[in-house]
Amino acid sequence: MICVIDRKNTALRFRAGCLQLYRKKKMIRSLPLAQLDQVVVYGNPTAETSVWLNLAEAGVPVVLLSARGTQKSAMLGSTLAVRLPLRRMQHRLADRDPACRAMAAWFIGKKIASYQVPLAVLTRDYRLNSATFRDFTAKLNHAAHRLDNAATVSEVMGVEGSLAQAWFKLLAGILPARYRFTGRNRRPPRDPVNSLLSLAYTMLFSEIRQGLLVEGFDTSLGFLHQEYPGREALALDFQEIFRTGVDAFVLSWLAHTHLDKTSFYYRQEEGCRLAKATRPLFYQAWALFREEWPRPGKEQMDHHGHIRELVAGQTTEARNYMADLLEKFGDI
């Protein structure tokens, strides 16, 4: 269950294992923490400290979003699991250029394979013609070839950047003109598609961050995304594997949801944002999609799993690959 808190004058309390929501001193909902998968908070509700402590202890990720103004977000979640051997391995590999390049290529290789999922949505819902499909598939194959020959992390990032640019150019040529999508933009997003992508990427990031913390990884030290104050680079690395799932979700939601000019609003500083009345439709769809997320690297649309299960699977694969790399490059 995803709990979205976006009403003014809401107060949050924790009692008897439940998150309780109050308005005007009257309890309006009581939600057992055991049933919560994620909590999304807009604006400035009042909350007892015990709310955040117990949500963190229960492993329920929390996304804090500004109700107005700039589209800033913050994440709350579990404390770091104590698995020092894993963190030591992560740090040792990050200090070795060949191992760092190999890990960066591992992430992008999985992303390249996963583009088949949103391509299937485009073919199904937007009538992607065969010529355009073949052209982008050729770009995927070329990207995979370049990735195999990338000698540095910068070259790996160049492969990803070129492919992402080609992907969003493809979307710009297919999506209906009413969405005014000309390519990826953010901070703030300037059209409905970018607004939805940014929001969904934020929701995904909280899931990945939570999974990495539970496993004991150092989320600040990445291989593809370089370390920077305040950036959880490893979470961004893992997010690359699942980004195309978000793209597929947004494309499908737009195609199957009745939206009009009141579904989004526009302001100069805030850009384009999902209207409050439309948020329930988005979060209901997101709650369903996260339970049936397309498995990374699978071309068929019927291979699905819960997002937490899939993140756990990818962290296990990464840990095993890191162990192989340490054996190979550990003495460099």
C-alpha atoms as a PDB file:
ATOM      1  CA  MET A   1       0.000   0.000   0.000  1.00  0.00           C
ATOM      2  CA  ILE A   2       1.228   3.495  -0.859  1.00  0.00           C
ATOM      3  CA  CYS A   3       0.062   6.271   1.458  1.00  0.00           C
ATOM      4  CA  VAL A   4      -0.033   9.731  -0.121  1.00  0.00           C
ATOM      5  CA  ILE A   5      -0.441  12.659   2.273  1.00  0.00           C
ATOM      6  CA  ASP A   6      -1.300  15.864   0.419  1.00  0.00           C
ATOM      7  CA  ARG A   7      -4.079  17.518   2.394  1.00  0.00           C
ATOM      8  CA  LYS A   8      -3.513  20.714   4.367  1.00  0.00           C
ATOM      9  CA  ASN A   9      -3.647  20.688   8.157  1.00  0.00           C
ATOM     10  CA  THR A  10      -2.844  16.980   8.389  1.00  0.00           C
ATOM     11  CA  ALA A  11      -1.158  15.663  11.529  1.00  0.00           C
ATOM     12  CA  LEU A  12       0.688  12.344  11.725  1.00  0.00           C
ATOM     13  CA  ARG A  13       1.015  10.158  14.816  1.00  0.00           C
ATOM     14  CA  PHE A  14       2.269   6.668  15.572  1.00  0.00           C
ATOM     15  CA  ARG A  15       0.160   4.496  17.842  1.00  0.00           C
ATOM     16  CA  ALA A  16       0.061   0.716  18.386  1.00  0.00           C
ATOM     17  CA  GLY A  17       1.957  -0.143  15.219  1.00  0.00           C
ATOM     18  CA  CYS A  18      -0.130   2.184  13.054  1.00  0.00           C
ATOM     19  CA  LEU A  19       0.423   5.426  11.185  1.00  0.00           C
ATOM     20  CA  GLN A  20      -2.523   7.602  12.154  1.00  0.00           C
ATOM     21  CA  LEU A  21      -3.676  10.616  10.139  1.00  0.00           C
ATOM     22  CA  TYR A  22      -5.555  13.431  11.871  1.00  0.00           C
ATOM     23  CA  ARG A  23      -7.326  16.483  10.560  1.00  0.00           C
ATOM     24  CA  LYS A  24      -8.805  19.077  12.883  1.00  0.00           C
ATOM     25  CA  LYS A  25      -7.903  16.794  15.812  1.00  0.00           C
ATOM     26  CA  LYS A  26     -10.053  13.991  14.392  1.00  0.00           C
ATOM     27  CA  MET A  27      -8.450  10.736  13.262  1.00  0.00           C
ATOM     28  CA  ILE A  28      -9.374  10.062   9.635  1.00  0.00           C
ATOM     29  CA  ARG A  29      -7.226   6.984   8.930  1.00  0.00           C
ATOM     30  CA  SER A  30      -5.203   4.389  10.791  1.00  0.00           C
ATOM     31  CA  LEU A  31      -2.763   2.403   8.658  1.00  0.00           C
ATOM     32  CA  PRO A  32      -0.777  -0.569  10.026  1.00  0.00           C
ATOM     33  CA  LEU A  33       2.908  -0.094   9.246  1.00  0.00           C
ATOM     34  CA  ALA A  34       3.086  -3.744   8.196  1.00  0.00           C
ATOM     35  CA  GLN A  35       0.802  -2.919   5.264  1.00  0.00           C
ATOM     36  CA  LEU A  36       2.708   0.151   4.073  1.00  0.00           C
ATOM     37  CA  ASP A  37       5.115  -0.109   1.135  1.00  0.00           C
ATOM     38  CA  GLN A  38       5.838   3.587   0.723  1.00  0.00           C
ATOM     39  CA  VAL A  39       4.752   6.959   2.105  1.00  0.00           C
ATOM     40  CA  VAL A  40       4.634  10.113  -0.039  1.00  0.00           C
ATOM     41  CA  VAL A  41       4.284  13.467   1.686  1.00  0.00           C
ATOM     42  CA  TYR A  42       3.428  16.763  -0.009  1.00  0.00           C
ATOM     43  CA  GLY A  43       3.716  20.055   1.848  1.00  0.00           C
ATOM     44  CA  ASN A  44       4.207  20.457   5.583  1.00  0.00           C
ATOM     45  CA  PRO A  45       2.105  18.134   7.740  1.00  0.00           C
ATOM     46  CA  THR A  46       2.856  18.131  11.439  1.00  0.00           C
ATOM     47  CA  ALA A  47       4.349  14.860  12.629  1.00  0.00           C
ATOM     48  CA  GLU A  48       5.596  13.356  15.847  1.00  0.00           C
ATOM     49  CA  THR A  49       9.216  12.240  15.778  1.00  0.00           C
ATOM     50  CA  SER A  50       8.027   8.709  16.512  1.00  0.00           C
ATOM     51  CA  VAL A  51       6.379   8.611  13.072  1.00  0.00           C
ATOM     52  CA  TRP A  52       9.672   8.921  11.185  1.00  0.00           C
ATOM     53  CA  LEU A  53      11.555   6.666  13.615  1.00  0.00           C
ATOM     54  CA  ASN A  54       9.049   3.846  13.349  1.00  0.00           C
ATOM     55  CA  LEU A  55       8.701   4.138   9.573  1.00  0.00           C
ATOM     56  CA  ALA A  56      12.497   3.885   9.290  1.00  0.00           C
ATOM     57  CA  GLU A  57      12.634   0.913  11.667  1.00  0.00           C
ATOM     58  CA  ALA A  58       9.884  -0.830   9.668  1.00  0.00           C
ATOM     59  CA  GLY A  59      11.822  -0.233   6.438  1.00  0.00           C
ATOM     60  CA  VAL A  60       9.100   1.896   4.852  1.00  0.00           C
ATOM     61  CA  PRO A  61      10.688   4.428   2.454  1.00  0.00           C
ATOM     62  CA  VAL A  62       9.348   7.974   2.685  1.00  0.00           C
ATOM     63  CA  VAL A  63       9.428  10.517  -0.161  1.00  0.00           C
ATOM     64  CA  LEU A  64       9.057  14.175   0.842  1.00  0.00           C
ATOM     65  CA  LEU A  65       7.899  16.453  -1.991  1.00  0.00           C
ATOM     66  CA  SER A  66       7.340  20.194  -1.946  1.00  0.00           C
ATOM     67  CA  ALA A  67       3.708  21.188  -2.446  1.00  0.00           C
ATOM     68  CA  ARG A  68       4.713  24.313  -4.321  1.00  0.00           C
ATOM     69  CA  GLY A  69       7.811  26.160  -5.382  1.00  0.00           C
ATOM     70  CA  THR A  70      10.831  24.257  -6.685  1.00  0.00           C
ATOM     71  CA  GLN A  71      10.458  20.526  -7.197  1.00  0.00           C
ATOM     72  CA  LYS A  72      12.801  19.474  -4.436  1.00  0.00           C
ATOM     73  CA  SER A  73      12.537  16.073  -2.804  1.00  0.00           C
ATOM     74  CA  ALA A  74      14.052  14.244   0.131  1.00  0.00           C
ATOM     75  CA  MET A  75      14.171  10.593   1.156  1.00  0.00           C
ATOM     76  CA  LEU A  76      13.848   8.866   4.497  1.00  0.00           C
ATOM     77  CA  GLY A  77      14.426   5.183   5.070  1.00  0.00           C
ATOM     78  CA  SER A  78      16.270   2.483   6.956  1.00  0.00           C
ATOM     79  CA  THR A  79      19.636   2.995   8.550  1.00  0.00           C
ATOM     80  CA  LEU A  80      22.603   1.324   6.873  1.00  0.00           C
ATOM     81  CA  ALA A  81      22.887  -2.412   7.458  1.00  0.00           C
ATOM     82  CA  VAL A  82      26.142  -3.434   9.129  1.00  0.00           C
ATOM     83  CA  ARG A  83      27.867  -5.472   6.428  1.00  0.00           C
ATOM     84  CA  LEU A  84      31.397  -4.194   6.462  1.00  0.00           C
ATOM     85  CA  PRO A  85      32.925  -6.829   4.107  1.00  0.00           C
ATOM     86  CA  LEU A  86      30.529  -5.733   1.357  1.00  0.00           C
ATOM     87  CA  ARG A  87      31.348  -2.065   1.848  1.00  0.00           C
ATOM     88  CA  ARG A  88      35.082  -2.794   1.930  1.00  0.00           C
ATOM     89  CA  MET A  89      34.756  -4.691  -1.355  1.00  0.00           C
ATOM     90  CA  GLN A  90      32.778  -1.803  -2.866  1.00  0.00           C
ATOM     91  CA  HIS A  91      35.413   0.747  -1.832  1.00  0.00           C
ATOM     92  CA  ARG A  92      38.321  -1.386  -3.041  1.00  0.00           C
ATOM     93  CA  LEU A  93      36.762  -1.811  -6.467  1.00  0.00           C
ATOM     94  CA  ALA A  94      35.893   1.884  -6.755  1.00  0.00           C
ATOM     95  CA  ASP A  95      39.607   2.678  -6.328  1.00  0.00           C
ATOM     96  CA  ARG A  96      40.610   0.444  -9.256  1.00  0.00           C
ATOM     97  CA  ASP A  97      39.940   1.958 -12.672  1.00  0.00           C
ATOM     98  CA  PRO A  98      39.501  -1.327 -14.600  1.00  0.00           C
ATOM     99  CA  ALA A  99      37.044  -2.661 -12.012  1.00  0.00           C
ATOM    100  CA  CYS A 100      35.172   0.640 -11.873  1.00  0.00           C
ATOM    101  CA  ARG A 101      34.833   0.644 -15.677  1.00  0.00           C
ATOM    102  CA  ALA A 102      33.611  -2.952 -15.639  1.00  0.00           C
ATOM    103  CA  MET A 103      30.941  -2.162 -13.040  1.00  0.00           C
ATOM    104  CA  ALA A 104      29.826   0.952 -14.945  1.00  0.00           C
ATOM    105  CA  ALA A 105      29.505  -1.143 -18.117  1.00  0.00           C
ATOM    106  CA  TRP A 106      27.534  -3.782 -16.161  1.00  0.00           C
ATOM    107  CA  PHE A 107      24.884  -1.221 -15.245  1.00  0.00           C
ATOM    108  CA  ILE A 108      24.590   0.227 -18.750  1.00  0.00           C
ATOM    109  CA  GLY A 109      24.581  -3.190 -20.379  1.00  0.00           C
ATOM    110  CA  LYS A 110      21.488  -4.052 -18.379  1.00  0.00           C
ATOM    111  CA  LYS A 111      19.901  -0.737 -19.306  1.00  0.00           C
ATOM    112  CA  ILE A 112      20.516  -1.324 -23.014  1.00  0.00           C
ATOM    113  CA  ALA A 113      18.829  -4.736 -22.814  1.00  0.00           C
ATOM    114  CA  SER A 114      15.842  -3.302 -20.947  1.00  0.00           C
ATOM    115  CA  TYR A 115      14.855  -0.828 -23.700  1.00  0.00           C
ATOM    116  CA  GLN A 116      12.803  -3.631 -25.233  1.00  0.00           C
ATOM    117  CA  VAL A 117      10.161  -3.033 -22.546  1.00  0.00           C
ATOM    118  CA  PRO A 118       9.213   0.593 -23.397  1.00  0.00           C
ATOM    119  CA  LEU A 119       9.629  -0.219 -27.099  1.00  0.00           C
ATOM    120  CA  ALA A 120       6.900  -2.837 -26.670  1.00  0.00           C
ATOM    121  CA  VAL A 121       4.638  -0.187 -25.088  1.00  0.00           C
ATOM    122  CA  LEU A 122       5.273   2.191 -27.987  1.00  0.00           C
ATOM    123  CA  THR A 123       4.455  -0.549 -30.480  1.00  0.00           C
ATOM    124  CA  ARG A 124       1.270  -1.497 -28.619  1.00  0.00           C
ATOM    125  CA  ASP A 125      -0.094   1.921 -27.643  1.00  0.00           C
ATOM    126  CA  TYR A 126       1.407   4.415 -30.091  1.00  0.00           C
ATOM    127  CA  ARG A 127       1.738   2.418 -33.317  1.00  0.00           C
ATOM    128  CA  LEU A 128       5.502   2.580 -33.564  1.00  0.00           C
ATOM    129  CA  ASN A 129       6.204   1.776 -37.214  1.00  0.00           C
ATOM    130  CA  SER A 130       8.592  -0.984 -38.185  1.00  0.00           C
ATOM    131  CA  ALA A 131      11.155   1.340 -39.783  1.00  0.00           C
ATOM    132  CA  THR A 132      11.492   3.455 -36.648  1.00  0.00           C
ATOM    133  CA  PHE A 133      11.656   0.306 -34.525  1.00  0.00           C
ATOM    134  CA  ARG A 134      14.453  -1.124 -36.667  1.00  0.00           C
ATOM    135  CA  ASP A 135      16.334   2.178 -36.586  1.00  0.00           C
ATOM    136  CA  PHE A 136      16.317   2.369 -32.793  1.00  0.00           C
ATOM    137  CA  THR A 137      17.136  -1.335 -32.478  1.00  0.00           C
ATOM    138  CA  ALA A 138      20.190  -0.665 -34.646  1.00  0.00           C
ATOM    139  CA  LYS A 139      21.166   2.118 -32.253  1.00  0.00           C
ATOM    140  CA  LEU A 140      20.836  -0.329 -29.346  1.00  0.00           C
ATOM    141  CA  ASN A 141      23.119  -2.808 -31.101  1.00  0.00           C
ATOM    142  CA  HIS A 142      25.619  -0.065 -31.880  1.00  0.00           C
ATOM    143  CA  ALA A 143      25.542   1.087 -28.252  1.00  0.00           C
ATOM    144  CA  ALA A 144      26.186  -2.482 -27.074  1.00  0.00           C
ATOM    145  CA  HIS A 145      29.179  -2.701 -29.429  1.00  0.00           C
ATOM    146  CA  ARG A 146      30.554   0.629 -28.211  1.00  0.00           C
ATOM    147  CA  LEU A 147      30.053  -0.483 -24.622  1.00  0.00           C
ATOM    148  CA  ASP A 148      32.127  -3.619 -25.202  1.00  0.00           C
ATOM    149  CA  ASN A 149      34.970  -1.415 -26.436  1.00  0.00           C
ATOM    150  CA  ALA A 150      34.663   1.387 -23.850  1.00  0.00           C
ATOM    151  CA  ALA A 151      38.000   1.701 -22.040  1.00  0.00           C
ATOM    152  CA  THR A 152      37.014   4.229 -19.366  1.00  0.00           C
ATOM    153  CA  VAL A 153      34.024   5.178 -17.249  1.00  0.00           C
ATOM    154  CA  SER A 154      33.747   8.401 -19.262  1.00  0.00           C
ATOM    155  CA  GLU A 155      33.375   6.387 -22.457  1.00  0.00           C
ATOM    156  CA  VAL A 156      30.706   4.220 -20.800  1.00  0.00           C
ATOM    157  CA  MET A 157      28.831   7.380 -19.807  1.00  0.00           C
ATOM    158  CA  GLY A 158      29.172   8.611 -23.385  1.00  0.00           C
ATOM    159  CA  VAL A 159      27.466   5.464 -24.636  1.00  0.00           C
ATOM    160  CA  GLU A 160      24.614   5.907 -22.172  1.00  0.00           C
ATOM    161  CA  GLY A 161      24.249   9.613 -22.919  1.00  0.00           C
ATOM    162  CA  SER A 162      24.072   9.112 -26.692  1.00  0.00           C
ATOM    163  CA  LEU A 163      21.511   6.344 -26.367  1.00  0.00           C
ATOM    164  CA  ALA A 164      19.350   8.314 -23.936  1.00  0.00           C
ATOM    165  CA  GLN A 165      19.392  11.275 -26.323  1.00  0.00           C
ATOM    166  CA  ALA A 166      18.292   9.013 -29.185  1.00  0.00           C
ATOM    167  CA  TRP A 167      15.531   7.516 -27.014  1.00  0.00           C
ATOM    168  CA  PHE A 168      14.002  10.834 -26.036  1.00  0.00           C
ATOM    169  CA  LYS A 169      14.299  12.065 -29.616  1.00  0.00           C
ATOM    170  CA  LEU A 170      12.303   8.988 -30.634  1.00  0.00           C
ATOM    171  CA  LEU A 171       9.627   9.814 -28.044  1.00  0.00           C
ATOM    172  CA  ALA A 172       9.480  13.431 -29.206  1.00  0.00           C
ATOM    173  CA  GLY A 173       8.578  12.225 -32.685  1.00  0.00           C
ATOM    174  CA  ILE A 174       5.876   9.805 -31.556  1.00  0.00           C
ATOM    175  CA  LEU A 175       4.056  11.319 -28.572  1.00  0.00           C
ATOM    176  CA  PRO A 176       0.951  13.405 -29.314  1.00  0.00           C
ATOM    177  CA  ALA A 177       1.610  17.117 -29.855  1.00  0.00           C
ATOM    178  CA  ARG A 178      -0.655  18.060 -26.939  1.00  0.00           C
ATOM    179  CA  TYR A 179       2.032  16.877 -24.522  1.00  0.00           C
ATOM    180  CA  ARG A 180       4.547  19.361 -25.988  1.00  0.00           C
ATOM    181  CA  PHE A 181       7.398  16.922 -25.426  1.00  0.00           C
ATOM    182  CA  THR A 182      10.568  17.880 -27.301  1.00  0.00           C
ATOM    183  CA  GLY A 183      13.109  16.018 -25.176  1.00  0.00           C
ATOM    184  CA  ARG A 184      14.140  15.420 -21.600  1.00  0.00           C
ATOM    185  CA  ASN A 185      14.188  18.487 -19.343  1.00  0.00           C
ATOM    186  CA  ARG A 186      14.055  18.888 -15.574  1.00  0.00           C
ATOM    187  CA  ARG A 187      14.447  21.294 -12.651  1.00  0.00           C
ATOM    188  CA  PRO A 188      11.786  22.231 -13.446  1.00  0.00           C
ATOM    189  CA  PRO A 189      10.127  19.945 -16.010  1.00  0.00           C
ATOM    190  CA  ARG A 190       8.371  21.962 -18.697  1.00  0.00           C
ATOM    191  CA  ASP A 191       5.756  19.540 -20.037  1.00  0.00           C
ATOM    192  CA  PRO A 192       3.475  16.744 -18.768  1.00  0.00           C
ATOM    193  CA  VAL A 193       5.734  13.908 -19.912  1.00  0.00           C
ATOM    194  CA  ASN A 194       8.805  15.305 -18.175  1.00  0.00           C
ATOM    195  CA  SER A 195       6.743  16.066 -15.088  1.00  0.00           C
ATOM    196  CA  LEU A 196       5.605  12.434 -14.865  1.00  0.00           C
ATOM    197  CA  LEU A 197       9.071  11.065 -15.604  1.00  0.00           C
ATOM    198  CA  SER A 198      10.638  13.180 -12.861  1.00  0.00           C
ATOM    199  CA  LEU A 199       8.019  12.176 -10.294  1.00  0.00           C
ATOM    200  CA  ALA A 200       8.210   8.482 -11.179  1.00  0.00           C
ATOM    201  CA  TYR A 201      12.028   8.491 -11.176  1.00  0.00           C
ATOM    202  CA  THR A 202      11.878   9.997  -7.687  1.00  0.00           C
ATOM    203  CA  MET A 203       9.514   7.260  -6.510  1.00  0.00           C
ATOM    204  CA  LEU A 204      11.769   4.612  -8.040  1.00  0.00           C
ATOM    205  CA  PHE A 205      14.870   6.134  -6.456  1.00  0.00           C
ATOM    206  CA  SER A 206      13.398   5.778  -2.972  1.00  0.00           C
ATOM    207  CA  GLU A 207      12.775   2.070  -3.596  1.00  0.00           C
ATOM    208  CA  ILE A 208      16.322   1.496  -4.844  1.00  0.00           C
ATOM    209  CA  ARG A 209      17.902   3.516  -2.062  1.00  0.00           C
ATOM    210  CA  GLN A 210      15.971   1.498   0.504  1.00  0.00           C
ATOM    211  CA  GLY A 211      17.069  -1.780  -1.074  1.00  0.00           C
ATOM    212  CA  LEU A 212      20.738  -0.768  -1.093  1.00  0.00           C
ATOM    213  CA  LEU A 213      20.657   0.338   2.540  1.00  0.00           C
ATOM    214  CA  VAL A 214      19.076  -2.943   3.593  1.00  0.00           C
ATOM    215  CA  GLU A 215      21.794  -4.881   1.759  1.00  0.00           C
ATOM    216  CA  GLY A 216      24.555  -2.811   3.368  1.00  0.00           C
ATOM    217  CA  PHE A 217      25.945  -0.965   0.340  1.00  0.00           C
ATOM    218  CA  ASP A 218      27.423   2.515   0.638  1.00  0.00           C
ATOM    219  CA  THR A 219      24.891   4.465  -1.436  1.00  0.00           C
ATOM    220  CA  SER A 220      27.200   7.473  -1.784  1.00  0.00           C
ATOM    221  CA  LEU A 221      29.963   5.604  -3.639  1.00  0.00           C
ATOM    222  CA  GLY A 222      29.108   4.721  -7.216  1.00  0.00           C
ATOM    223  CA  PHE A 223      30.906   3.354 -10.251  1.00  0.00           C
ATOM    224  CA  LEU A 224      29.091   5.017 -13.155  1.00  0.00           C
ATOM    225  CA  HIS A 225      27.990   8.181 -11.357  1.00  0.00           C
ATOM    226  CA  GLN A 226      30.920   9.792  -9.635  1.00  0.00           C
ATOM    227  CA  GLU A 227      30.888  10.824  -6.006  1.00  0.00           C
ATOM    228  CA  TYR A 228      29.654  14.317  -5.229  1.00  0.00           C
ATOM    229  CA  PRO A 229      28.549  15.893  -1.926  1.00  0.00           C
ATOM    230  CA  GLY A 230      24.903  15.065  -1.311  1.00  0.00           C
ATOM    231  CA  ARG A 231      24.651  12.624  -4.238  1.00  0.00           C
ATOM    232  CA  GLU A 232      23.861   8.962  -3.587  1.00  0.00           C
ATOM    233  CA  ALA A 233      25.818   7.816  -6.601  1.00  0.00           C
ATOM    234  CA  LEU A 234      25.374   4.052  -6.224  1.00  0.00           C
ATOM    235  CA  ALA A 235      21.585   4.435  -6.006  1.00  0.00           C
ATOM    236  CA  LEU A 236      21.761   6.399  -9.270  1.00  0.00           C
ATOM    237  CA  ASP A 237      23.850   3.585 -10.788  1.00  0.00           C
ATOM    238  CA  PHE A 238      21.225   0.973  -9.927  1.00  0.00           C
ATOM    239  CA  GLN A 239      18.454   3.291 -11.051  1.00  0.00           C
ATOM    240  CA  GLU A 240      19.795   3.063 -14.610  1.00  0.00           C
ATOM    241  CA  ILE A 241      18.730  -0.596 -14.711  1.00  0.00           C
ATOM    242  CA  PHE A 242      15.125   0.327 -13.945  1.00  0.00           C
ATOM    243  CA  ARG A 243      14.699   3.672 -15.736  1.00  0.00           C
ATOM    244  CA  THR A 244      13.207   2.108 -18.834  1.00  0.00           C
ATOM    245  CA  GLY A 245      10.562   0.530 -16.593  1.00  0.00           C
ATOM    246  CA  VAL A 246       9.547   4.036 -15.518  1.00  0.00           C
ATOM    247  CA  ASP A 247       9.452   5.116 -19.159  1.00  0.00           C
ATOM    248  CA  ALA A 248       7.177   2.174 -19.974  1.00  0.00           C
ATOM    249  CA  PHE A 249       4.914   3.043 -17.038  1.00  0.00           C
ATOM    250  CA  VAL A 250       4.583   6.712 -18.016  1.00  0.00           C
ATOM    251  CA  LEU A 251       3.953   5.904 -21.678  1.00  0.00           C
ATOM    252  CA  SER A 252       1.292   3.348 -20.801  1.00  0.00           C
ATOM    253  CA  TRP A 253      -0.363   5.597 -18.209  1.00  0.00           C
ATOM    254  CA  LEU A 254      -0.624   8.471 -20.652  1.00  0.00           C
ATOM    255  CA  ALA A 255      -2.119   6.190 -23.293  1.00  0.00           C
ATOM    256  CA  HIS A 256      -4.761   4.681 -21.005  1.00  0.00           C
ATOM    257  CA  THR A 257      -5.711   7.576 -18.705  1.00  0.00           C
ATOM    258  CA  HIS A 258      -8.240  10.258 -19.552  1.00  0.00           C
ATOM    259  CA  LEU A 259      -6.367  13.544 -19.132  1.00  0.00           C
ATOM    260  CA  ASP A 260      -7.300  17.085 -20.129  1.00  0.00           C
ATOM    261  CA  LYS A 261      -5.905  20.586 -19.715  1.00  0.00           C
ATOM    262  CA  THR A 262      -6.846  20.570 -16.004  1.00  0.00           C
ATOM    263  CA  SER A 263      -4.792  17.439 -15.281  1.00  0.00           C
ATOM    264  CA  PHE A 264      -1.570  19.463 -15.045  1.00  0.00           C
ATOM    265  CA  TYR A 265      -0.766  23.008 -14.077  1.00  0.00           C
ATOM    266  CA  TYR A 266       2.044  25.305 -15.176  1.00  0.00           C
ATOM    267  CA  ARG A 267       3.964  28.009 -13.361  1.00  0.00           C
ATOM    268  CA  GLN A 268       7.176  29.693 -14.386  1.00  0.00           C
ATOM    269  CA  GLU A 269       9.228  28.672 -11.349  1.00  0.00           C
ATOM    270  CA  GLU A 270       7.633  25.269 -10.779  1.00  0.00           C
ATOM    271  CA  GLY A 271       7.294  24.255 -14.402  1.00  0.00           C
ATOM    272  CA  CYS A 272       4.678  21.602 -15.161  1.00  0.00           C
ATOM    273  CA  ARG A 273       3.226  19.609 -12.296  1.00  0.00           C
ATOM    274  CA  LEU A 274       0.548  16.993 -11.835  1.00  0.00           C
ATOM    275  CA  ALA A 275      -2.658  18.609 -10.562  1.00  0.00           C
ATOM    276  CA  LYS A 276      -3.813  17.580  -7.115  1.00  0.00           C
ATOM    277  CA  ALA A 277      -7.058  16.086  -8.428  1.00  0.00           C
ATOM    278  CA  THR A 278      -5.092  13.856 -10.819  1.00  0.00           C
ATOM    279  CA  ARG A 279      -2.557  12.587  -8.277  1.00  0.00           C
ATOM    280  CA  PRO A 280      -4.772   9.722  -7.031  1.00  0.00           C
ATOM    281  CA  LEU A 281      -4.959   8.310 -10.567  1.00  0.00           C
ATOM    282  CA  PHE A 282      -1.186   8.416 -10.874  1.00  0.00           C
ATOM    283  CA  TYR A 283      -0.447   6.851  -7.493  1.00  0.00           C
ATOM    284  CA  GLN A 284      -3.069   4.135  -7.916  1.00  0.00           C
ATOM    285  CA  ALA A 285      -1.476   3.151 -11.212  1.00  0.00           C
ATOM    286  CA  TRP A 286       2.013   3.362  -9.715  1.00  0.00           C
ATOM    287  CA  ALA A 287       1.021   1.115  -6.799  1.00  0.00           C
ATOM    288  CA  LEU A 288      -0.117  -1.550  -9.260  1.00  0.00           C
ATOM    289  CA  PHE A 289       2.879  -1.184 -11.568  1.00  0.00           C
ATOM    290  CA  ARG A 290       5.464  -1.525  -8.788  1.00  0.00           C
ATOM    291  CA  GLU A 291       3.972  -4.934  -7.983  1.00  0.00           C
ATOM    292  CA  GLU A 292       4.199  -6.060 -11.621  1.00  0.00           C
ATOM    293  CA  TRP A 293       7.431  -4.405 -12.707  1.00  0.00           C
ATOM    294  CA  PRO A 294       8.964  -5.744 -15.951  1.00  0.00           C
ATOM    295  CA  ARG A 295      12.082  -7.744 -15.172  1.00  0.00           C
ATOM    296  CA  PRO A 296      15.300  -6.045 -16.345  1.00  0.00           C
ATOM    297  CA  GLY A 297      16.667  -7.550 -19.547  1.00  0.00           C
ATOM    298  CA  LYS A 298      13.472  -9.415 -20.430  1.00  0.00           C
ATOM    299  CA  GLU A 299      11.980  -8.649 -23.837  1.00  0.00           C
ATOM    300  CA  GLN A 300       8.616 -10.266 -23.091  1.00  0.00           C
ATOM    301  CA  MET A 301       6.062  -8.086 -21.331  1.00  0.00           C
ATOM    302  CA  ASP A 302       4.786 -11.023 -19.256  1.00  0.00           C
ATOM    303  CA  HIS A 303       7.947 -11.338 -17.158  1.00  0.00           C
ATOM    304  CA  HIS A 304       7.203  -9.291 -14.062  1.00  0.00           C
ATOM    305  CA  GLY A 305       7.920  -9.075 -10.339  1.00  0.00           C
ATOM    306  CA  HIS A 306       7.549  -6.775  -7.358  1.00  0.00           C
ATOM    307  CA  ILE A 307      10.005  -3.888  -7.589  1.00  0.00           C
ATOM    308  CA  ARG A 308      11.567  -4.754  -4.223  1.00  0.00           C
ATOM    309  CA  GLU A 309      12.091  -8.341  -5.336  1.00  0.00           C
ATOM    310  CA  LEU A 310      13.712  -7.158  -8.550  1.00  0.00           C
ATOM    311  CA  VAL A 311      15.958  -4.635  -6.796  1.00  0.00           C
ATOM    312  CA  ALA A 312      17.041  -7.368  -4.380  1.00  0.00           C
ATOM    313  CA  GLY A 313      17.795  -9.632  -7.326  1.00  0.00           C
ATOM    314  CA  GLN A 314      19.932  -6.989  -9.022  1.00  0.00           C
ATOM    315  CA  THR A 315      21.856  -6.216  -5.828  1.00  0.00           C
ATOM    316  CA  THR A 316      22.618  -9.932  -5.468  1.00  0.00           C
ATOM    317  CA  GLU A 317      23.849 -10.098  -9.060  1.00  0.00           C
ATOM    318  CA  ALA A 318      25.947  -6.986  -8.499  1.00  0.00           C
ATOM    319  CA  ARG A 319      27.464  -8.374  -5.302  1.00  0.00           C
ATOM    320  CA  ASN A 320      28.443 -11.609  -7.070  1.00  0.00           C
ATOM    321  CA  TYR A 321      29.920  -9.711 -10.023  1.00  0.00           C
ATOM    322  CA  MET A 322      31.837  -7.451  -7.642  1.00  0.00           C
ATOM    323  CA  ALA A 323      33.328 -10.511  -5.950  1.00  0.00           C
ATOM    324  CA  ASP A 324      34.502 -11.797  -9.348  1.00  0.00           C
ATOM    325  CA  LEU A 325      36.035  -8.420 -10.168  1.00  0.00           C
ATOM    326  CA  LEU A 326      37.805  -8.242  -6.828  1.00  0.00           C
ATOM    327  CA  GLU A 327      39.388 -11.608  -7.516  1.00  0.00           C
ATOM    328  CA  LYS A 328      40.459 -10.364 -10.942  1.00  0.00           C
ATOM    329  CA  PHE A 329      41.555  -6.813 -10.121  1.00  0.00           C
ATOM    330  CA  GLY A 330      42.063  -6.871  -6.358  1.00  0.00           C
ATOM    331  CA  ASP A 331      45.854  -6.870  -6.515  1.00  0.00           C
ATOM    332  CA  ILE A 332      46.166  -4.046  -9.039  1.00  0.00           C
END
